[in-house]
PDB file of all heavy atoms in Angstrom:
ATOM      1  N   ARG A   1      69.918 -13.347 151.834  1.00  0.00           N
ATOM      2  CA  ARG A   1      69.220 -12.162 151.324  1.00  0.00           C
ATOM      3  C   ARG A   1      68.699 -11.319 152.491  1.00  0.00           C
ATOM      4  O   ARG A   1      68.808 -10.095 152.480  1.00  0.00           O
ATOM      5  CB  ARG A   1      68.063 -12.587 150.415  1.00  0.00           C
ATOM      6  CG  ARG A   1      67.251 -11.426 149.892  1.00  0.00           C
ATOM      7  CD  ARG A   1      66.103 -11.942 148.992  1.00  0.00           C
ATOM      8  NE  ARG A   1      65.083 -10.927 148.899  1.00  0.00           N
ATOM      9  CZ  ARG A   1      64.022 -10.825 149.694  1.00  0.00           C
ATOM     10  NH1 ARG A   1      63.814 -11.714 150.649  1.00  0.00           N
ATOM     11  NH2 ARG A   1      63.149  -9.859 149.545  1.00  0.00           N
ATOM     12  N   LEU A   2      68.157 -11.977 153.522  1.00  0.00           N
ATOM     13  CA  LEU A   2      67.654 -11.248 154.688  1.00  0.00           C
ATOM     14  C   LEU A   2      68.789 -10.601 155.481  1.00  0.00           C
ATOM     15  O   LEU A   2      68.603  -9.547 156.083  1.00  0.00           O
ATOM     16  CB  LEU A   2      66.837 -12.178 155.581  1.00  0.00           C
ATOM     17  CG  LEU A   2      65.543 -12.717 154.958  1.00  0.00           C
ATOM     18  CD1 LEU A   2      64.908 -13.756 155.855  1.00  0.00           C
ATOM     19  CD2 LEU A   2      64.575 -11.583 154.654  1.00  0.00           C
ATOM     20  N   ARG A   3      69.952 -11.223 155.489  1.00  0.00           N
ATOM     21  CA  ARG A   3      71.106 -10.687 156.230  1.00  0.00           C
ATOM     22  C   ARG A   3      71.783  -9.522 155.498  1.00  0.00           C
ATOM     23  O   ARG A   3      72.502  -8.745 156.119  1.00  0.00           O
ATOM     24  CB  ARG A   3      72.144 -11.785 156.457  1.00  0.00           C
ATOM     25  CG  ARG A   3      71.721 -12.811 157.443  1.00  0.00           C
ATOM     26  CD  ARG A   3      72.824 -13.814 157.752  1.00  0.00           C
ATOM     27  NE  ARG A   3      72.272 -14.758 158.676  1.00  0.00           N
ATOM     28  CZ  ARG A   3      71.857 -15.981 158.342  1.00  0.00           C
ATOM     29  NH1 ARG A   3      71.985 -16.417 157.103  1.00  0.00           N
ATOM     30  NH2 ARG A   3      71.320 -16.768 159.257  1.00  0.00           N
ATOM     31  N   ASN A   4      71.607  -9.471 154.213  1.00  0.00           N
ATOM     32  CA  ASN A   4      72.276  -8.462 153.379  1.00  0.00           C
ATOM     33  C   ASN A   4      71.239  -7.710 152.551  1.00  0.00           C
ATOM     34  O   ASN A   4      71.397  -7.525 151.354  1.00  0.00           O
ATOM     35  CB  ASN A   4      73.301  -9.142 152.476  1.00  0.00           C
ATOM     36  CG  ASN A   4      74.279  -9.983 153.270  1.00  0.00           C
ATOM     37  OD1 ASN A   4      75.062  -9.465 154.046  1.00  0.00           O
ATOM     38  ND2 ASN A   4      74.211 -11.289 153.114  1.00  0.00           N
ATOM     39  N   PHE A   5      70.195  -7.280 153.196  1.00  0.00           N
ATOM     40  CA  PHE A   5      69.006  -6.773 152.515  1.00  0.00           C
ATOM     41  C   PHE A   5      69.287  -5.547 151.653  1.00  0.00           C
ATOM     42  O   PHE A   5      68.715  -5.402 150.585  1.00  0.00           O
ATOM     43  CB  PHE A   5      67.902  -6.480 153.535  1.00  0.00           C
ATOM     44  CG  PHE A   5      66.522  -6.625 152.982  1.00  0.00           C
ATOM     45  CD1 PHE A   5      66.014  -7.873 152.672  1.00  0.00           C
ATOM     46  CD2 PHE A   5      65.735  -5.516 152.758  1.00  0.00           C
ATOM     47  CE1 PHE A   5      64.739  -8.028 152.153  1.00  0.00           C
ATOM     48  CE2 PHE A   5      64.446  -5.651 152.248  1.00  0.00           C
ATOM     49  CZ  PHE A   5      63.954  -6.912 151.936  1.00  0.00           C
ATOM     50  N   SER A   6      70.167  -4.678 152.105  1.00  0.00           N
ATOM     51  CA  SER A   6      70.476  -3.498 151.298  1.00  0.00           C
ATOM     52  C   SER A   6      71.826  -3.625 150.603  1.00  0.00           C
ATOM     53  O   SER A   6      72.403  -2.642 150.166  1.00  0.00           O
ATOM     54  CB  SER A   6      70.437  -2.229 152.158  1.00  0.00           C
ATOM     55  OG  SER A   6      71.483  -2.257 153.102  1.00  0.00           O
ATOM     56  N   GLY A   7      72.326  -4.849 150.537  1.00  0.00           N
ATOM     57  CA  GLY A   7      73.566  -5.096 149.813  1.00  0.00           C
ATOM     58  C   GLY A   7      74.824  -5.086 150.649  1.00  0.00           C
ATOM     59  O   GLY A   7      75.902  -5.337 150.139  1.00  0.00           O
ATOM     60  N   LYS A   8      74.707  -4.780 151.944  1.00  0.00           N
ATOM     61  CA  LYS A   8      75.894  -4.845 152.794  1.00  0.00           C
ATOM     62  C   LYS A   8      75.625  -5.761 153.979  1.00  0.00           C
ATOM     63  O   LYS A   8      74.480  -6.011 154.341  1.00  0.00           O
ATOM     64  CB  LYS A   8      76.335  -3.453 153.257  1.00  0.00           C
ATOM     65  CG  LYS A   8      75.311  -2.711 154.061  1.00  0.00           C
ATOM     66  CD  LYS A   8      75.815  -1.340 154.451  1.00  0.00           C
ATOM     67  CE  LYS A   8      74.736  -0.677 155.295  1.00  0.00           C
ATOM     68  NZ  LYS A   8      75.147   0.535 155.908  1.00  0.00           N
ATOM     69  N   LYS A   9      76.705  -6.251 154.587  1.00  0.00           N
ATOM     70  CA  LYS A   9      76.605  -7.215 155.683  1.00  0.00           C
ATOM     71  C   LYS A   9      75.799  -6.646 156.848  1.00  0.00           C
ATOM     72  O   LYS A   9      75.939  -5.477 157.195  1.00  0.00           O
ATOM     73  CB  LYS A   9      78.007  -7.612 156.144  1.00  0.00           C
ATOM     74  CG  LYS A   9      78.003  -8.751 157.127  1.00  0.00           C
ATOM     75  CD  LYS A   9      79.406  -9.202 157.467  1.00  0.00           C
ATOM     76  CE  LYS A   9      79.318 -10.336 158.450  1.00  0.00           C
ATOM     77  NZ  LYS A   9      80.578 -10.950 158.737  1.00  0.00           N
ATOM     78  N   ASN A  10      74.986  -7.500 157.448  1.00  0.00           N
ATOM     79  CA  ASN A  10      74.126  -7.133 158.581  1.00  0.00           C
ATOM     80  C   ASN A  10      73.222  -5.943 158.268  1.00  0.00           C
ATOM     81  O   ASN A  10      72.989  -5.088 159.110  1.00  0.00           O
ATOM     82  CB  ASN A  10      74.943  -6.869 159.847  1.00  0.00           C
ATOM     83  CG  ASN A  10      75.532  -8.139 160.423  1.00  0.00           C
ATOM     84  OD1 ASN A  10      75.067  -9.234 160.152  1.00  0.00           O
ATOM     85  ND2 ASN A  10      76.572  -7.987 161.213  1.00  0.00           N
ATOM     86  N   SER A  11      72.718  -5.913 157.056  1.00  0.00           N
ATOM     87  CA  SER A  11      71.742  -4.876 156.679  1.00  0.00           C
ATOM     88  C   SER A  11      70.389  -5.553 156.531  1.00  0.00           C
ATOM     89  O   SER A  11      69.910  -5.794 155.445  1.00  0.00           O
ATOM     90  CB  SER A  11      72.158  -4.174 155.390  1.00  0.00           C
ATOM     91  OG  SER A  11      72.218  -5.098 154.312  1.00  0.00           O
ATOM     92  N   TYR A  12      69.821  -5.902 157.660  1.00  0.00           N
ATOM     93  CA  TYR A  12      68.545  -6.612 157.703  1.00  0.00           C
ATOM     94  C   TYR A  12      67.419  -5.666 157.272  1.00  0.00           C
ATOM     95  O   TYR A  12      67.555  -4.445 157.356  1.00  0.00           O
ATOM     96  CB  TYR A  12      68.294  -7.128 159.113  1.00  0.00           C
ATOM     97  CG  TYR A  12      69.320  -8.153 159.548  1.00  0.00           C
ATOM     98  CD1 TYR A  12      70.524  -7.753 160.138  1.00  0.00           C
ATOM     99  CD2 TYR A  12      69.098  -9.507 159.371  1.00  0.00           C
ATOM    100  CE1 TYR A  12      71.471  -8.681 160.537  1.00  0.00           C
ATOM    101  CE2 TYR A  12      70.036 -10.446 159.768  1.00  0.00           C
ATOM    102  CZ  TYR A  12      71.218 -10.030 160.351  1.00  0.00           C
ATOM    103  OH  TYR A  12      72.145 -10.950 160.726  1.00  0.00           O
ATOM    104  N   PRO A  13      66.290  -6.221 156.839  1.00  0.00           N
ATOM    105  CA  PRO A  13      65.172  -5.355 156.444  1.00  0.00           C
ATOM    106  C   PRO A  13      64.673  -4.522 157.625  1.00  0.00           C
ATOM    107  O   PRO A  13      64.728  -4.953 158.773  1.00  0.00           O
ATOM    108  CB  PRO A  13      64.097  -6.339 155.972  1.00  0.00           C
ATOM    109  CG  PRO A  13      64.550  -7.690 156.352  1.00  0.00           C
ATOM    110  CD  PRO A  13      65.990  -7.632 156.707  1.00  0.00           C
ATOM    111  N   SER A  14      64.178  -3.324 157.330  1.00  0.00           N
ATOM    112  CA  SER A  14      63.609  -2.452 158.357  1.00  0.00           C
ATOM    113  C   SER A  14      62.088  -2.490 158.335  1.00  0.00           C
ATOM    114  O   SER A  14      61.441  -1.918 159.209  1.00  0.00           O
ATOM    115  CB  SER A  14      64.101  -1.023 158.174  1.00  0.00           C
ATOM    116  OG  SER A  14      63.714  -0.545 156.902  1.00  0.00           O
ATOM    117  N   GLU A  15      61.546  -3.169 157.341  1.00  0.00           N
ATOM    118  CA  GLU A  15      60.096  -3.332 157.245  1.00  0.00           C
ATOM    119  C   GLU A  15      59.785  -4.592 156.449  1.00  0.00           C
ATOM    120  O   GLU A  15      60.628  -5.116 155.727  1.00  0.00           O
ATOM    121  CB  GLU A  15      59.441  -2.113 156.606  1.00  0.00           C
ATOM    122  CG  GLU A  15      59.942  -1.808 155.223  1.00  0.00           C
ATOM    123  CD  GLU A  15      59.398  -0.496 154.684  1.00  0.00           C
ATOM    124  OE1 GLU A  15      59.049   0.395 155.475  1.00  0.00           O
ATOM    125  OE2 GLU A  15      59.328  -0.377 153.452  1.00  0.00           O
ATOM    126  N   CYS A  16      58.557  -5.025 156.609  1.00  0.00           N
ATOM    127  CA  CYS A  16      58.046  -6.186 155.873  1.00  0.00           C
ATOM    128  C   CYS A  16      56.618  -5.825 155.463  1.00  0.00           C
ATOM    129  O   CYS A  16      55.715  -5.832 156.300  1.00  0.00           O
ATOM    130  CB  CYS A  16      58.065  -7.439 156.745  1.00  0.00           C
ATOM    131  SG  CYS A  16      57.486  -8.920 155.907  1.00  0.00           S
ATOM    132  N   GLY A  17      56.446  -5.470 154.192  1.00  0.00           N
ATOM    133  CA  GLY A  17      55.149  -4.954 153.773  1.00  0.00           C
ATOM    134  C   GLY A  17      54.877  -3.675 154.539  1.00  0.00           C
ATOM    135  O   GLY A  17      55.730  -2.793 154.629  1.00  0.00           O
ATOM    136  N   ARG A  18      53.709  -3.572 155.145  1.00  0.00           N
ATOM    137  CA  ARG A  18      53.348  -2.371 155.909  1.00  0.00           C
ATOM    138  C   ARG A  18      53.816  -2.426 157.362  1.00  0.00           C
ATOM    139  O   ARG A  18      53.563  -1.512 158.143  1.00  0.00           O
ATOM    140  CB  ARG A  18      51.830  -2.161 155.868  1.00  0.00           C
ATOM    141  CG  ARG A  18      51.018  -3.204 156.610  1.00  0.00           C
ATOM    142  CD  ARG A  18      49.525  -2.839 156.593  1.00  0.00           C
ATOM    143  NE  ARG A  18      48.690  -3.850 157.183  1.00  0.00           N
ATOM    144  CZ  ARG A  18      48.404  -3.924 158.482  1.00  0.00           C
ATOM    145  NH1 ARG A  18      48.895  -3.048 159.328  1.00  0.00           N
ATOM    146  NH2 ARG A  18      47.610  -4.880 158.939  1.00  0.00           N
ATOM    147  N   PHE A  19      54.529  -3.465 157.724  1.00  0.00           N
ATOM    148  CA  PHE A  19      54.940  -3.665 159.116  1.00  0.00           C
ATOM    149  C   PHE A  19      56.388  -3.227 159.339  1.00  0.00           C
ATOM    150  O   PHE A  19      57.302  -3.724 158.686  1.00  0.00           O
ATOM    151  CB  PHE A  19      54.759  -5.127 159.519  1.00  0.00           C
ATOM    152  CG  PHE A  19      53.332  -5.590 159.416  1.00  0.00           C
ATOM    153  CD1 PHE A  19      52.888  -6.248 158.286  1.00  0.00           C
ATOM    154  CD2 PHE A  19      52.431  -5.334 160.436  1.00  0.00           C
ATOM    155  CE1 PHE A  19      51.565  -6.661 158.181  1.00  0.00           C
ATOM    156  CE2 PHE A  19      51.115  -5.735 160.342  1.00  0.00           C
ATOM    157  CZ  PHE A  19      50.679  -6.402 159.204  1.00  0.00           C
ATOM    158  N   SER A  20      56.575  -2.338 160.294  1.00  0.00           N
ATOM    159  CA  SER A  20      57.894  -1.827 160.629  1.00  0.00           C
ATOM    160  C   SER A  20      58.613  -2.799 161.569  1.00  0.00           C
ATOM    161  O   SER A  20      58.017  -3.300 162.525  1.00  0.00           O
ATOM    162  CB  SER A  20      57.729  -0.464 161.304  1.00  0.00           C
ATOM    163  OG  SER A  20      58.975   0.018 161.736  1.00  0.00           O
ATOM    164  N   ILE A  21      59.883  -3.049 161.308  1.00  0.00           N
ATOM    165  CA  ILE A  21      60.693  -3.948 162.134  1.00  0.00           C
ATOM    166  C   ILE A  21      61.476  -3.108 163.134  1.00  0.00           C
ATOM    167  O   ILE A  21      62.168  -2.166 162.760  1.00  0.00           O
ATOM    168  CB  ILE A  21      61.641  -4.791 161.257  1.00  0.00           C
ATOM    169  CG1 ILE A  21      60.815  -5.704 160.336  1.00  0.00           C
ATOM    170  CG2 ILE A  21      62.612  -5.594 162.111  1.00  0.00           C
ATOM    171  CD1 ILE A  21      61.620  -6.422 159.282  1.00  0.00           C
ATOM    172  N   SER A  22      61.353  -3.456 164.424  1.00  0.00           N
ATOM    173  CA  SER A  22      62.034  -2.693 165.465  1.00  0.00           C
ATOM    174  C   SER A  22      63.303  -3.375 165.970  1.00  0.00           C
ATOM    175  O   SER A  22      64.151  -2.717 166.576  1.00  0.00           O
ATOM    176  CB  SER A  22      61.083  -2.429 166.638  1.00  0.00           C
ATOM    177  OG  SER A  22      60.599  -3.650 167.171  1.00  0.00           O
ATOM    178  N   ALA A  23      63.465  -4.682 165.728  1.00  0.00           N
ATOM    179  CA  ALA A  23      64.666  -5.387 166.190  1.00  0.00           C
ATOM    180  C   ALA A  23      64.856  -6.664 165.381  1.00  0.00           C
ATOM    181  O   ALA A  23      63.891  -7.239 164.867  1.00  0.00           O
ATOM    182  CB  ALA A  23      64.564  -5.725 167.672  1.00  0.00           C
ATOM    183  N   VAL A  24      66.112  -7.097 165.293  1.00  0.00           N
ATOM    184  CA  VAL A  24      66.467  -8.336 164.600  1.00  0.00           C
ATOM    185  C   VAL A  24      67.459  -9.098 165.463  1.00  0.00           C
ATOM    186  O   VAL A  24      68.417  -8.514 165.992  1.00  0.00           O
ATOM    187  CB  VAL A  24      67.115  -8.059 163.217  1.00  0.00           C
ATOM    188  CG1 VAL A  24      67.536  -9.361 162.549  1.00  0.00           C
ATOM    189  CG2 VAL A  24      66.178  -7.266 162.325  1.00  0.00           C
ATOM    190  N   ARG A  25      67.215 -10.412 165.606  1.00  0.00           N
ATOM    191  CA  ARG A  25      68.174 -11.290 166.281  1.00  0.00           C
ATOM    192  C   ARG A  25      68.473 -12.451 165.339  1.00  0.00           C
ATOM    193  O   ARG A  25      67.565 -13.150 164.898  1.00  0.00           O
ATOM    194  CB  ARG A  25      67.605 -11.827 167.602  1.00  0.00           C
ATOM    195  CG  ARG A  25      68.609 -12.719 168.328  1.00  0.00           C
ATOM    196  CD  ARG A  25      68.064 -13.266 169.631  1.00  0.00           C
ATOM    197  NE  ARG A  25      66.899 -14.070 169.351  1.00  0.00           N
ATOM    198  CZ  ARG A  25      65.793 -14.082 170.124  1.00  0.00           C
ATOM    199  NH1 ARG A  25      65.715 -13.333 171.194  1.00  0.00           N
ATOM    200  NH2 ARG A  25      64.784 -14.857 169.813  1.00  0.00           N
ATOM    201  N   ASP A  26      69.735 -12.637 165.027  1.00  0.00           N
ATOM    202  CA  ASP A  26      70.160 -13.698 164.105  1.00  0.00           C
ATOM    203  C   ASP A  26      71.069 -14.653 164.882  1.00  0.00           C
ATOM    204  O   ASP A  26      72.232 -14.343 165.152  1.00  0.00           O
ATOM    205  CB  ASP A  26      70.902 -13.072 162.927  1.00  0.00           C
ATOM    206  CG  ASP A  26      71.266 -14.066 161.835  1.00  0.00           C
ATOM    207  OD1 ASP A  26      71.306 -15.283 162.124  1.00  0.00           O
ATOM    208  OD2 ASP A  26      71.507 -13.614 160.705  1.00  0.00           O
ATOM    209  N   LEU A  27      70.537 -15.796 165.257  1.00  0.00           N
ATOM    210  CA  LEU A  27      71.314 -16.742 166.059  1.00  0.00           C
ATOM    211  C   LEU A  27      72.221 -17.626 165.219  1.00  0.00           C
ATOM    212  O   LEU A  27      72.924 -18.474 165.745  1.00  0.00           O
ATOM    213  CB  LEU A  27      70.381 -17.582 166.935  1.00  0.00           C
ATOM    214  CG  LEU A  27      69.657 -16.778 168.019  1.00  0.00           C
ATOM    215  CD1 LEU A  27      68.777 -17.681 168.873  1.00  0.00           C
ATOM    216  CD2 LEU A  27      70.630 -15.999 168.895  1.00  0.00           C
ATOM    217  N   THR A  28      72.232 -17.405 163.911  1.00  0.00           N
ATOM    218  CA  THR A  28      73.213 -18.070 163.052  1.00  0.00           C
ATOM    219  C   THR A  28      74.526 -17.294 163.079  1.00  0.00           C
ATOM    220  O   THR A  28      75.601 -17.880 163.174  1.00  0.00           O
ATOM    221  CB  THR A  28      72.682 -18.182 161.610  1.00  0.00           C
ATOM    222  OG1 THR A  28      71.449 -18.892 161.631  1.00  0.00           O
ATOM    223  CG2 THR A  28      73.667 -18.921 160.712  1.00  0.00           C
ATOM    224  N   THR A  29      74.424 -15.968 163.016  1.00  0.00           N
ATOM    225  CA  THR A  29      75.623 -15.121 162.982  1.00  0.00           C
ATOM    226  C   THR A  29      75.983 -14.530 164.337  1.00  0.00           C
ATOM    227  O   THR A  29      77.080 -13.992 164.499  1.00  0.00           O
ATOM    228  CB  THR A  29      75.424 -13.956 161.991  1.00  0.00           C
ATOM    229  OG1 THR A  29      74.370 -13.109 162.475  1.00  0.00           O
ATOM    230  CG2 THR A  29      75.083 -14.465 160.599  1.00  0.00           C
ATOM    231  N   GLY A  30      75.045 -14.551 165.290  1.00  0.00           N
ATOM    232  CA  GLY A  30      75.305 -13.978 166.607  1.00  0.00           C
ATOM    233  C   GLY A  30      74.966 -12.500 166.708  1.00  0.00           C
ATOM    234  O   GLY A  30      75.388 -11.825 167.640  1.00  0.00           O
ATOM    235  N   TYR A  31      74.164 -11.999 165.779  1.00  0.00           N
ATOM    236  CA  TYR A  31      73.785 -10.586 165.749  1.00  0.00           C
ATOM    237  C   TYR A  31      72.479 -10.377 166.508  1.00  0.00           C
ATOM    238  O   TYR A  31      71.549 -11.174 166.382  1.00  0.00           O
ATOM    239  CB  TYR A  31      73.618 -10.139 164.294  1.00  0.00           C
ATOM    240  CG  TYR A  31      73.089  -8.738 164.130  1.00  0.00           C
ATOM    241  CD1 TYR A  31      73.935  -7.644 164.237  1.00  0.00           C
ATOM    242  CD2 TYR A  31      71.745  -8.505 163.860  1.00  0.00           C
ATOM    243  CE1 TYR A  31      73.463  -6.349 164.077  1.00  0.00           C
ATOM    244  CE2 TYR A  31      71.261  -7.213 163.704  1.00  0.00           C
ATOM    245  CZ  TYR A  31      72.121  -6.143 163.812  1.00  0.00           C
ATOM    246  OH  TYR A  31      71.648  -4.870 163.655  1.00  0.00           O
ATOM    247  N   ASP A  32      72.401  -9.302 167.313  1.00  0.00           N
ATOM    248  CA  ASP A  32      71.163  -8.939 167.999  1.00  0.00           C
ATOM    249  C   ASP A  32      71.123  -7.425 168.135  1.00  0.00           C
ATOM    250  O   ASP A  32      71.873  -6.834 168.912  1.00  0.00           O
ATOM    251  CB  ASP A  32      71.077  -9.605 169.371  1.00  0.00           C
ATOM    252  CG  ASP A  32      69.722  -9.433 170.035  1.00  0.00           C
ATOM    253  OD1 ASP A  32      68.985  -8.488 169.678  1.00  0.00           O
ATOM    254  OD2 ASP A  32      69.402 -10.233 170.937  1.00  0.00           O
ATOM    255  N   SER A  33      70.240  -6.785 167.371  1.00  0.00           N
ATOM    256  CA  SER A  33      70.166  -5.321 167.367  1.00  0.00           C
ATOM    257  C   SER A  33      69.645  -4.760 168.687  1.00  0.00           C
ATOM    258  O   SER A  33      69.768  -3.556 168.925  1.00  0.00           O
ATOM    259  CB  SER A  33      69.292  -4.832 166.210  1.00  0.00           C
ATOM    260  OG  SER A  33      67.935  -5.204 166.407  1.00  0.00           O
ATOM    261  N   ASN A  34      69.094  -5.598 169.546  1.00  0.00           N
ATOM    262  CA  ASN A  34      68.600  -5.139 170.856  1.00  0.00           C
ATOM    263  C   ASN A  34      69.703  -5.051 171.903  1.00  0.00           C
ATOM    264  O   ASN A  34      69.473  -4.550 172.996  1.00  0.00           O
ATOM    265  CB  ASN A  34      67.494  -6.059 171.379  1.00  0.00           C
ATOM    266  CG  ASN A  34      66.114  -5.555 171.026  1.00  0.00           C
ATOM    267  OD1 ASN A  34      65.920  -4.375 170.763  1.00  0.00           O
ATOM    268  ND2 ASN A  34      65.156  -6.449 171.021  1.00  0.00           N
ATOM    269  N   GLN A  35      70.871  -5.556 171.585  1.00  0.00           N
ATOM    270  CA  GLN A  35      71.979  -5.538 172.535  1.00  0.00           C
ATOM    271  C   GLN A  35      72.904  -4.355 172.241  1.00  0.00           C
ATOM    272  O   GLN A  35      73.108  -4.006 171.073  1.00  0.00           O
ATOM    273  CB  GLN A  35      72.765  -6.856 172.478  1.00  0.00           C
ATOM    274  CG  GLN A  35      71.940  -8.078 172.842  1.00  0.00           C
ATOM    275  CD  GLN A  35      71.311  -7.957 174.214  1.00  0.00           C
ATOM    276  OE1 GLN A  35      71.948  -7.569 175.186  1.00  0.00           O
ATOM    277  NE2 GLN A  35      70.027  -8.291 174.305  1.00  0.00           N
ATOM    278  N   PRO A  36      73.454  -3.735 173.278  1.00  0.00           N
ATOM    279  CA  PRO A  36      74.312  -2.553 173.064  1.00  0.00           C
ATOM    280  C   PRO A  36      75.476  -2.812 172.101  1.00  0.00           C
ATOM    281  O   PRO A  36      75.833  -1.951 171.316  1.00  0.00           O
ATOM    282  CB  PRO A  36      74.831  -2.225 174.461  1.00  0.00           C
ATOM    283  CG  PRO A  36      73.899  -2.894 175.407  1.00  0.00           C
ATOM    284  CD  PRO A  36      73.308  -4.071 174.683  1.00  0.00           C
ATOM    285  N   ASP A  37      76.042  -4.014 172.154  1.00  0.00           N
ATOM    286  CA  ASP A  37      77.168  -4.340 171.274  1.00  0.00           C
ATOM    287  C   ASP A  37      76.731  -5.138 170.035  1.00  0.00           C
ATOM    288  O   ASP A  37      77.568  -5.630 169.282  1.00  0.00           O
ATOM    289  CB  ASP A  37      78.233  -5.123 172.049  1.00  0.00           C
ATOM    290  CG  ASP A  37      77.690  -6.419 172.649  1.00  0.00           C
ATOM    291  OD1 ASP A  37      76.495  -6.732 172.464  1.00  0.00           O
ATOM    292  OD2 ASP A  37      78.469  -7.124 173.313  1.00  0.00           O
ATOM    293  N   ASN A  38      75.406  -5.263 169.842  1.00  0.00           N
ATOM    294  CA  ASN A  38      74.818  -6.021 168.717  1.00  0.00           C
ATOM    295  C   ASN A  38      75.196  -7.502 168.733  1.00  0.00           C
ATOM    296  O   ASN A  38      75.089  -8.174 167.706  1.00  0.00           O
ATOM    297  CB  ASN A  38      75.190  -5.412 167.359  1.00  0.00           C
ATOM    298  CG  ASN A  38      74.463  -4.108 167.102  1.00  0.00           C
ATOM    299  OD1 ASN A  38      73.407  -3.855 167.662  1.00  0.00           O
ATOM    300  ND2 ASN A  38      75.039  -3.268 166.268  1.00  0.00           N
ATOM    301  N   LYS A  39      75.602  -8.031 169.889  1.00  0.00           N
ATOM    302  CA  LYS A  39      75.961  -9.442 169.994  1.00  0.00           C
ATOM    303  C   LYS A  39      74.865 -10.184 170.748  1.00  0.00           C
ATOM    304  O   LYS A  39      74.464  -9.784 171.837  1.00  0.00           O
ATOM    305  CB  LYS A  39      77.303  -9.603 170.696  1.00  0.00           C
ATOM    306  CG  LYS A  39      78.436  -9.087 169.846  1.00  0.00           C
ATOM    307  CD  LYS A  39      79.773  -9.460 170.421  1.00  0.00           C
ATOM    308  CE  LYS A  39      80.790  -9.079 169.390  1.00  0.00           C
ATOM    309  NZ  LYS A  39      81.925  -8.468 169.715  1.00  0.00           N
ATOM    310  N   ALA A  40      74.414 -11.285 170.158  1.00  0.00           N
ATOM    311  CA  ALA A  40      73.361 -12.093 170.773  1.00  0.00           C
ATOM    312  C   ALA A  40      73.837 -12.664 172.099  1.00  0.00           C
ATOM    313  O   ALA A  40      74.994 -13.081 172.226  1.00  0.00           O
ATOM    314  CB  ALA A  40      72.957 -13.219 169.832  1.00  0.00           C
TER     315      ALA A  40
END
């Protein structure tokens, strides 16, 4: 659910309650939004 938050692959949440999310790293799938190629 966290990986497909808006219904598509790698659509992680952009907020959690009132807190804005600036980056996501998923070491299960190898995704890292802080990397230029999104690879952990």
